[in-house]
Protein backbone atom coordinates (compact mmCIF):
# COMPACT_ATOMS: atom_id res chain seq x y z
CA MET A 1 -47.10 -15.91 22.15
CA ALA A 2 -45.92 -12.33 22.59
CA GLU A 3 -43.00 -13.55 24.66
CA ARG A 4 -42.00 -15.95 21.87
CA ARG A 5 -42.22 -13.12 19.35
CA ARG A 6 -40.00 -10.90 21.51
CA GLN A 7 -37.52 -13.72 21.93
CA ARG A 8 -37.38 -14.33 18.17
CA ALA A 9 -36.99 -10.62 17.53
CA SER A 10 -34.20 -10.48 20.08
CA GLU A 11 -32.45 -13.48 18.48
CA PHE A 12 -32.84 -11.90 15.05
CA GLU A 13 -31.35 -8.65 16.32
CA LEU A 14 -28.38 -10.51 17.81
CA ARG A 15 -27.79 -12.33 14.53
CA GLN A 16 -27.95 -9.05 12.64
CA GLN A 17 -25.49 -7.45 15.03
CA GLU A 18 -23.13 -10.41 14.66
CA LYS A 19 -23.36 -10.22 10.86
CA GLU A 20 -22.64 -6.49 10.99
CA LYS A 21 -19.67 -7.09 13.30
CA GLU A 22 -18.27 -9.72 10.91
CA ARG A 23 -18.84 -7.41 7.94
CA MET A 24 -16.98 -4.59 9.68
CA GLU A 25 -14.09 -6.90 10.62
CA ALA A 26 -13.84 -8.08 7.01
CA ALA A 27 -13.88 -4.47 5.79
CA ARG A 28 -11.10 -3.53 8.24
CA ALA A 29 -9.01 -6.52 7.15
CA LYS A 30 -9.52 -5.63 3.50
CA GLU A 31 -8.50 -2.01 4.16
CA ARG A 32 -5.45 -3.14 6.14
CA ASP A 33 -4.39 -5.42 3.27
CA ARG A 34 -4.89 -2.57 0.81
CA GLU A 35 -2.76 -0.25 2.92
CA GLU A 36 -0.01 -2.87 3.19
CA ARG A 37 0.00 -3.43 -0.58
CA LEU A 38 0.09 0.31 -1.18
CA ALA A 39 2.98 0.77 1.25
CA ALA A 40 4.91 -2.05 -0.45
CA LEU A 41 4.27 -0.52 -3.86
CA ASN A 42 5.41 2.91 -2.65
CA LYS A 43 8.57 1.38 -1.20
CA GLN A 44 9.26 -0.42 -4.47
CA GLN A 45 8.70 2.74 -6.50
CA LYS A 46 10.98 4.75 -4.21
CA ALA A 47 13.74 2.16 -4.58
CA HIS A 48 13.33 2.21 -8.37
CA ILE A 49 13.51 6.01 -8.47
CA GLU A 50 16.63 6.00 -6.30
CA GLU A 51 18.25 3.42 -8.60
CA LEU A 52 17.42 5.51 -11.67
CA GLN A 53 18.82 8.64 -10.02
CA LYS A 54 22.00 6.74 -9.16
CA LYS A 55 22.39 5.57 -12.78
CA ILE A 56 21.80 9.10 -14.08
CA GLN A 57 24.40 10.52 -11.69
CA GLN A 58 26.92 7.85 -12.73
CA LYS A 59 26.33 8.66 -16.39
CA VAL A 60 26.73 12.41 -15.75
CA ASN A 61 29.96 11.76 -13.84
CA LYS A 62 31.27 9.56 -16.64
CA GLU A 63 30.41 12.17 -19.24
CA CYS A 64 32.18 14.85 -17.18
CA VAL A 65 35.30 12.72 -17.02
CA VAL A 66 35.22 12.13 -20.78
CA TYR A 67 34.68 15.83 -21.41
CA LEU A 68 37.55 16.84 -19.14
CA GLN A 69 39.84 14.28 -20.80
CA GLN A 70 38.99 15.75 -24.20
CA VAL A 71 39.56 19.30 -23.00
CA TYR A 72 43.00 18.46 -21.59
CA ARG A 73 44.00 16.74 -24.84
CA LEU A 74 43.48 19.99 -26.71
């Protein structure tokens, strides 16, 4: 009887350990997915910022050209 109880307790402990292992694996996978999504978002934001900076620089350059053309006409 005591041996059966120990065996059941041992089996229960193994099941608990397996559940904990699966839970930890799921948590790691979820964190990895989160990090990948965050990295992709950061990359997208960086590209957008670079594009905006490029447009701003082009506009400034164009305005400089227009200004210089007006100055030389005077």
